[in-house]
Amino acid sequence: MKEPDKTNLEDLPDYIWPFSHLFNKKKFEKLLERYKWDHEINLMDKAPQELNAKAYAITLKKEEALN
């Protein structure tokens, strides 16, 4: 059995057909247009190396188990 080609409409499930433009290989490899609101990100010279923050809440018991 051959591997389905995700850039070929016939190899995609029916429910994805309305979104086939997102799977077009030529469009996928093309860079997006530049917009007037694109901007440069200037990083601070003295930015902290680490932040004392957690990505999500965790109980003290679970935190101790991870450490």
PDB file of N, CA and C in Angstrom:
ATOM      1  N   MET A   1       0.834  -1.176   0.000  1.00  0.00           N
ATOM      2  CA  MET A   1       0.000   0.000   0.000  1.00  0.00           C
ATOM      3  C   MET A   1       0.886   1.250   0.000  1.00  0.00           C
ATOM      4  N   LYS A   2       0.624   2.166  -0.937  1.00  0.00           N
ATOM      5  CA  LYS A   2       1.460   3.361  -1.038  1.00  0.00           C
ATOM      6  C   LYS A   2       1.033   4.421  -0.021  1.00  0.00           C
ATOM      7  N   GLU A   3       1.978   5.225   0.365  1.00  0.00           N
ATOM      8  CA  GLU A   3       1.732   6.324   1.300  1.00  0.00           C
ATOM      9  C   GLU A   3       0.920   7.410   0.596  1.00  0.00           C
ATOM     10  N   PRO A   4      -0.158   7.934   1.217  1.00  0.00           N
ATOM     11  CA  PRO A   4      -0.956   8.978   0.564  1.00  0.00           C
ATOM     12  C   PRO A   4      -0.149  10.266   0.384  1.00  0.00           C
ATOM     13  N   ASP A   5      -0.363  10.939  -0.731  1.00  0.00           N
ATOM     14  CA  ASP A   5       0.289  12.211  -1.024  1.00  0.00           C
ATOM     15  C   ASP A   5      -0.604  13.324  -0.499  1.00  0.00           C
ATOM     16  N   LYS A   6      -0.160  14.008   0.551  1.00  0.00           N
ATOM     17  CA  LYS A   6      -0.986  15.031   1.202  1.00  0.00           C
ATOM     18  C   LYS A   6      -1.138  16.295   0.355  1.00  0.00           C
ATOM     19  N   THR A   7      -0.437  16.375  -0.779  1.00  0.00           N
ATOM     20  CA  THR A   7      -0.596  17.511  -1.679  1.00  0.00           C
ATOM     21  C   THR A   7      -1.522  17.164  -2.842  1.00  0.00           C
ATOM     22  N   ASN A   8      -2.051  15.945  -2.872  1.00  0.00           N
ATOM     23  CA  ASN A   8      -2.946  15.505  -3.933  1.00  0.00           C
ATOM     24  C   ASN A   8      -4.371  15.448  -3.374  1.00  0.00           C
ATOM     25  N   LEU A   9      -5.291  16.183  -4.005  1.00  0.00           N
ATOM     26  CA  LEU A   9      -6.671  16.281  -3.510  1.00  0.00           C
ATOM     27  C   LEU A   9      -7.330  14.911  -3.388  1.00  0.00           C
ATOM     28  N   GLU A  10      -7.077  14.012  -4.314  1.00  0.00           N
ATOM     29  CA  GLU A  10      -7.717  12.692  -4.276  1.00  0.00           C
ATOM     30  C   GLU A  10      -7.255  11.843  -3.093  1.00  0.00           C
ATOM     31  N   ASP A  11      -6.073  12.148  -2.567  1.00  0.00           N
ATOM     32  CA  ASP A  11      -5.555  11.387  -1.424  1.00  0.00           C
ATOM     33  C   ASP A  11      -6.000  11.954  -0.078  1.00  0.00           C
ATOM     34  N   LEU A  12      -6.682  13.094  -0.098  1.00  0.00           N
ATOM     35  CA  LEU A  12      -7.143  13.709   1.143  1.00  0.00           C
ATOM     36  C   LEU A  12      -8.568  13.261   1.473  1.00  0.00           C
ATOM     37  N   PRO A  13      -8.921  13.172   2.755  1.00  0.00           N
ATOM     38  CA  PRO A  13     -10.309  12.834   3.125  1.00  0.00           C
ATOM     39  C   PRO A  13     -11.268  13.920   2.624  1.00  0.00           C
ATOM     40  N   ASP A  14     -12.503  13.537   2.376  1.00  0.00           N
ATOM     41  CA  ASP A  14     -13.521  14.458   1.833  1.00  0.00           C
ATOM     42  C   ASP A  14     -13.690  15.720   2.665  1.00  0.00           C
ATOM     43  N   TYR A  15     -13.644  15.584   3.990  1.00  0.00           N
ATOM     44  CA  TYR A  15     -13.890  16.744   4.838  1.00  0.00           C
ATOM     45  C   TYR A  15     -12.786  17.794   4.734  1.00  0.00           C
ATOM     46  N   ILE A  16     -11.662  17.447   4.169  1.00  0.00           N
ATOM     47  CA  ILE A  16     -10.547  18.386   4.029  1.00  0.00           C
ATOM     48  C   ILE A  16     -10.582  19.111   2.682  1.00  0.00           C
ATOM     49  N   TRP A  17     -11.347  18.631   1.721  1.00  0.00           N
ATOM     50  CA  TRP A  17     -11.375  19.222   0.391  1.00  0.00           C
ATOM     51  C   TRP A  17     -11.632  20.722   0.383  1.00  0.00           C
ATOM     52  N   PRO A  18     -12.562  21.247   1.218  1.00  0.00           N
ATOM     53  CA  PRO A  18     -12.759  22.707   1.204  1.00  0.00           C
ATOM     54  C   PRO A  18     -11.497  23.488   1.618  1.00  0.00           C
ATOM     55  N   PHE A  19     -10.574  22.794   2.272  1.00  0.00           N
ATOM     56  CA  PHE A  19      -9.338  23.436   2.738  1.00  0.00           C
ATOM     57  C   PHE A  19      -8.129  23.005   1.926  1.00  0.00           C
ATOM     58  N   SER A  20      -8.370  22.460   0.745  1.00  0.00           N
ATOM     59  CA  SER A  20      -7.279  21.910  -0.067  1.00  0.00           C
ATOM     60  C   SER A  20      -6.233  22.956  -0.423  1.00  0.00           C
ATOM     61  N   HIS A  21      -6.623  24.229  -0.487  1.00  0.00           N
ATOM     62  CA  HIS A  21      -5.657  25.284  -0.800  1.00  0.00           C
ATOM     63  C   HIS A  21      -4.540  25.346   0.250  1.00  0.00           C
ATOM     64  N   LEU A  22      -4.811  24.870   1.452  1.00  0.00           N
ATOM     65  CA  LEU A  22      -3.804  24.868   2.502  1.00  0.00           C
ATOM     66  C   LEU A  22      -2.768  23.759   2.312  1.00  0.00           C
ATOM     67  N   PHE A  23      -3.111  22.774   1.484  1.00  0.00           N
ATOM     68  CA  PHE A  23      -2.226  21.632   1.264  1.00  0.00           C
ATOM     69  C   PHE A  23      -1.525  21.701  -0.085  1.00  0.00           C
ATOM     70  N   ASN A  24      -1.672  22.813  -0.793  1.00  0.00           N
ATOM     71  CA  ASN A  24      -1.055  22.978  -2.092  1.00  0.00           C
ATOM     72  C   ASN A  24       0.454  23.135  -1.902  1.00  0.00           C
ATOM     73  N   LYS A  25       1.239  22.241  -2.505  1.00  0.00           N
ATOM     74  CA  LYS A  25       2.681  22.216  -2.279  1.00  0.00           C
ATOM     75  C   LYS A  25       3.359  23.495  -2.762  1.00  0.00           C
ATOM     76  N   LYS A  26       2.960  24.014  -3.921  1.00  0.00           N
ATOM     77  CA  LYS A  26       3.583  25.231  -4.435  1.00  0.00           C
ATOM     78  C   LYS A  26       3.330  26.407  -3.505  1.00  0.00           C
ATOM     79  N   LYS A  27       2.111  26.514  -2.977  1.00  0.00           N
ATOM     80  CA  LYS A  27       1.795  27.599  -2.054  1.00  0.00           C
ATOM     81  C   LYS A  27       2.475  27.386  -0.705  1.00  0.00           C
ATOM     82  N   PHE A  28       2.627  26.139  -0.316  1.00  0.00           N
ATOM     83  CA  PHE A  28       3.250  25.826   0.972  1.00  0.00           C
ATOM     84  C   PHE A  28       4.703  26.277   1.003  1.00  0.00           C
ATOM     85  N   GLU A  29       5.400  26.105  -0.101  1.00  0.00           N
ATOM     86  CA  GLU A  29       6.822  26.435  -0.158  1.00  0.00           C
ATOM     87  C   GLU A  29       7.076  27.914  -0.432  1.00  0.00           C
ATOM     88  N   LYS A  30       6.030  28.689  -0.652  1.00  0.00           N
ATOM     89  CA  LYS A  30       6.161  30.112  -0.940  1.00  0.00           C
ATOM     90  C   LYS A  30       6.095  30.902   0.365  1.00  0.00           C
ATOM     91  N   LEU A  31       6.919  31.929   0.455  1.00  0.00           N
ATOM     92  CA  LEU A  31       6.892  32.781   1.641  1.00  0.00           C
ATOM     93  C   LEU A  31       5.625  33.628   1.646  1.00  0.00           C
ATOM     94  N   LEU A  32       5.155  33.936   2.825  1.00  0.00           N
ATOM     95  CA  LEU A  32       3.991  34.801   2.950  1.00  0.00           C
ATOM     96  C   LEU A  32       4.338  36.218   2.519  1.00  0.00           C
ATOM     97  N   GLU A  33       3.319  36.960   2.090  1.00  0.00           N
ATOM     98  CA  GLU A  33       3.528  38.346   1.722  1.00  0.00           C
ATOM     99  C   GLU A  33       3.925  39.164   2.938  1.00  0.00           C
ATOM    100  N   ARG A  34       4.683  40.216   2.684  1.00  0.00           N
ATOM    101  CA  ARG A  34       5.070  41.104   3.777  1.00  0.00           C
ATOM    102  C   ARG A  34       3.951  42.122   3.977  1.00  0.00           C
ATOM    103  N   TYR A  35       3.565  42.335   5.222  1.00  0.00           N
ATOM    104  CA  TYR A  35       2.504  43.278   5.538  1.00  0.00           C
ATOM    105  C   TYR A  35       3.079  44.498   6.241  1.00  0.00           C
ATOM    106  N   LYS A  36       2.357  45.606   6.165  1.00  0.00           N
ATOM    107  CA  LYS A  36       2.855  46.842   6.765  1.00  0.00           C
ATOM    108  C   LYS A  36       2.998  46.734   8.288  1.00  0.00           C
ATOM    109  N   TRP A  37       2.283  45.811   8.913  1.00  0.00           N
ATOM    110  CA  TRP A  37       2.370  45.686  10.366  1.00  0.00           C
ATOM    111  C   TRP A  37       3.428  44.677  10.804  1.00  0.00           C
ATOM    112  N   ASP A  38       4.145  44.057   9.842  1.00  0.00           N
ATOM    113  CA  ASP A  38       5.285  43.229  10.222  1.00  0.00           C
ATOM    114  C   ASP A  38       6.326  44.148  10.868  1.00  0.00           C
ATOM    115  N   HIS A  39       6.946  43.702  11.916  1.00  0.00           N
ATOM    116  CA  HIS A  39       7.909  44.558  12.581  1.00  0.00           C
ATOM    117  C   HIS A  39       9.051  43.752  13.162  1.00  0.00           C
ATOM    118  N   GLU A  40      10.121  44.449  13.394  1.00  0.00           N
ATOM    119  CA  GLU A  40      11.311  43.844  13.965  1.00  0.00           C
ATOM    120  C   GLU A  40      11.122  43.696  15.474  1.00  0.00           C
ATOM    121  N   ILE A  41      11.660  42.636  16.030  1.00  0.00           N
ATOM    122  CA  ILE A  41      11.612  42.430  17.473  1.00  0.00           C
ATOM    123  C   ILE A  41      12.993  42.756  18.028  1.00  0.00           C
ATOM    124  N   ASN A  42      13.054  43.782  18.824  1.00  0.00           N
ATOM    125  CA  ASN A  42      14.327  44.198  19.427  1.00  0.00           C
ATOM    126  C   ASN A  42      14.430  43.598  20.817  1.00  0.00           C
ATOM    127  N   LEU A  43      15.431  42.759  21.031  1.00  0.00           N
ATOM    128  CA  LEU A  43      15.639  42.135  22.330  1.00  0.00           C
ATOM    129  C   LEU A  43      16.462  43.057  23.220  1.00  0.00           C
ATOM    130  N   MET A  44      16.218  43.006  24.497  1.00  0.00           N
ATOM    131  CA  MET A  44      16.945  43.838  25.445  1.00  0.00           C
ATOM    132  C   MET A  44      18.333  43.253  25.695  1.00  0.00           C
ATOM    133  N   ASP A  45      19.309  44.136  25.850  1.00  0.00           N
ATOM    134  CA  ASP A  45      20.681  43.689  26.112  1.00  0.00           C
ATOM    135  C   ASP A  45      20.811  42.991  27.461  1.00  0.00           C
ATOM    136  N   LYS A  46      20.077  43.497  28.460  1.00  0.00           N
ATOM    137  CA  LYS A  46      20.206  42.953  29.814  1.00  0.00           C
ATOM    138  C   LYS A  46      18.976  42.149  30.203  1.00  0.00           C
ATOM    139  N   ALA A  47      18.473  41.363  29.288  1.00  0.00           N
ATOM    140  CA  ALA A  47      17.302  40.530  29.571  1.00  0.00           C
ATOM    141  C   ALA A  47      17.694  39.425  30.549  1.00  0.00           C
ATOM    142  N   PRO A  48      16.807  39.057  31.460  1.00  0.00           N
ATOM    143  CA  PRO A  48      17.133  37.975  32.402  1.00  0.00           C
ATOM    144  C   PRO A  48      17.299  36.644  31.669  1.00  0.00           C
ATOM    145  N   GLN A  49      18.233  35.846  32.129  1.00  0.00           N
ATOM    146  CA  GLN A  49      18.493  34.543  31.527  1.00  0.00           C
ATOM    147  C   GLN A  49      17.386  33.547  31.856  1.00  0.00           C
ATOM    148  N   GLU A  50      16.761  33.703  33.009  1.00  0.00           N
ATOM    149  CA  GLU A  50      15.685  32.812  33.439  1.00  0.00           C
ATOM    150  C   GLU A  50      14.557  33.636  34.037  1.00  0.00           C
ATOM    151  N   LEU A  51      13.357  33.131  33.898  1.00  0.00           N
ATOM    152  CA  LEU A  51      12.201  33.768  34.509  1.00  0.00           C
ATOM    153  C   LEU A  51      11.682  32.860  35.617  1.00  0.00           C
ATOM    154  N   ASN A  52      11.344  33.428  36.739  1.00  0.00           N
ATOM    155  CA  ASN A  52      10.820  32.653  37.850  1.00  0.00           C
ATOM    156  C   ASN A  52       9.305  32.521  37.661  1.00  0.00           C
ATOM    157  N   ALA A  53       8.917  31.675  36.749  1.00  0.00           N
ATOM    158  CA  ALA A  53       7.500  31.501  36.438  1.00  0.00           C
ATOM    159  C   ALA A  53       7.239  30.051  36.038  1.00  0.00           C
ATOM    160  N   LYS A  54       5.999  29.641  36.216  1.00  0.00           N
ATOM    161  CA  LYS A  54       5.599  28.290  35.846  1.00  0.00           C
ATOM    162  C   LYS A  54       4.636  28.373  34.676  1.00  0.00           C
ATOM    163  N   ALA A  55       4.686  27.381  33.811  1.00  0.00           N
ATOM    164  CA  ALA A  55       3.814  27.366  32.638  1.00  0.00           C
ATOM    165  C   ALA A  55       2.371  27.059  33.027  1.00  0.00           C
ATOM    166  N   TYR A  56       2.183  26.334  34.108  1.00  0.00           N
ATOM    167  CA  TYR A  56       0.834  25.975  34.554  1.00  0.00           C
ATOM    168  C   TYR A  56       0.854  25.720  36.056  1.00  0.00           C
ATOM    169  N   ALA A  57      -0.314  25.795  36.652  1.00  0.00           N
ATOM    170  CA  ALA A  57      -0.417  25.577  38.097  1.00  0.00           C
ATOM    171  C   ALA A  57      -0.128  24.110  38.423  1.00  0.00           C
ATOM    172  N   ILE A  58       0.594  23.901  39.497  1.00  0.00           N
ATOM    173  CA  ILE A  58       0.933  22.536  39.907  1.00  0.00           C
ATOM    174  C   ILE A  58       0.913  22.490  41.441  1.00  0.00           C
ATOM    175  N   THR A  59       0.463  21.396  41.962  1.00  0.00           N
ATOM    176  CA  THR A  59       0.428  21.275  43.430  1.00  0.00           C
ATOM    177  C   THR A  59       1.843  21.091  43.957  1.00  0.00           C
ATOM    178  N   LEU A  60       2.055  21.472  45.189  1.00  0.00           N
ATOM    179  CA  LEU A  60       3.367  21.345  45.815  1.00  0.00           C
ATOM    180  C   LEU A  60       3.816  19.883  45.821  1.00  0.00           C
ATOM    181  N   LYS A  61       2.883  18.964  46.054  1.00  0.00           N
ATOM    182  CA  LYS A  61       3.205  17.537  46.094  1.00  0.00           C
ATOM    183  C   LYS A  61       3.721  17.063  44.724  1.00  0.00           C
ATOM    184  N   LYS A  62       3.062  17.498  43.652  1.00  0.00           N
ATOM    185  CA  LYS A  62       3.503  17.106  42.306  1.00  0.00           C
ATOM    186  C   LYS A  62       4.840  17.758  41.952  1.00  0.00           C
ATOM    187  N   GLU A  63       5.023  18.998  42.368  1.00  0.00           N
ATOM    188  CA  GLU A  63       6.293  19.677  42.102  1.00  0.00           C
ATOM    189  C   GLU A  63       7.443  18.964  42.784  1.00  0.00           C
ATOM    190  N   GLU A  64       7.232  18.555  44.047  1.00  0.00           N
ATOM    191  CA  GLU A  64       8.273  17.813  44.774  1.00  0.00           C
ATOM    192  C   GLU A  64       8.574  16.496  44.092  1.00  0.00           C
ATOM    193  N   ALA A  65       7.553  15.829  43.557  1.00  0.00           N
ATOM    194  CA  ALA A  65       7.783  14.556  42.859  1.00  0.00           C
ATOM    195  C   ALA A  65       8.608  14.767  41.590  1.00  0.00           C
ATOM    196  N   LEU A  66       8.414  15.897  40.926  1.00  0.00           N
ATOM    197  CA  LEU A  66       9.177  16.178  39.714  1.00  0.00           C
ATOM    198  C   LEU A  66      10.634  16.518  40.017  1.00  0.00           C
ATOM    199  N   ASN A  67      10.848  17.135  41.170  1.00  0.00           N
ATOM    200  CA  ASN A  67      12.221  17.524  41.538  1.00  0.00           C
ATOM    201  C   ASN A  67      12.889  16.333  42.180  1.00  0.00           C
TER     202      ASN A  67
END
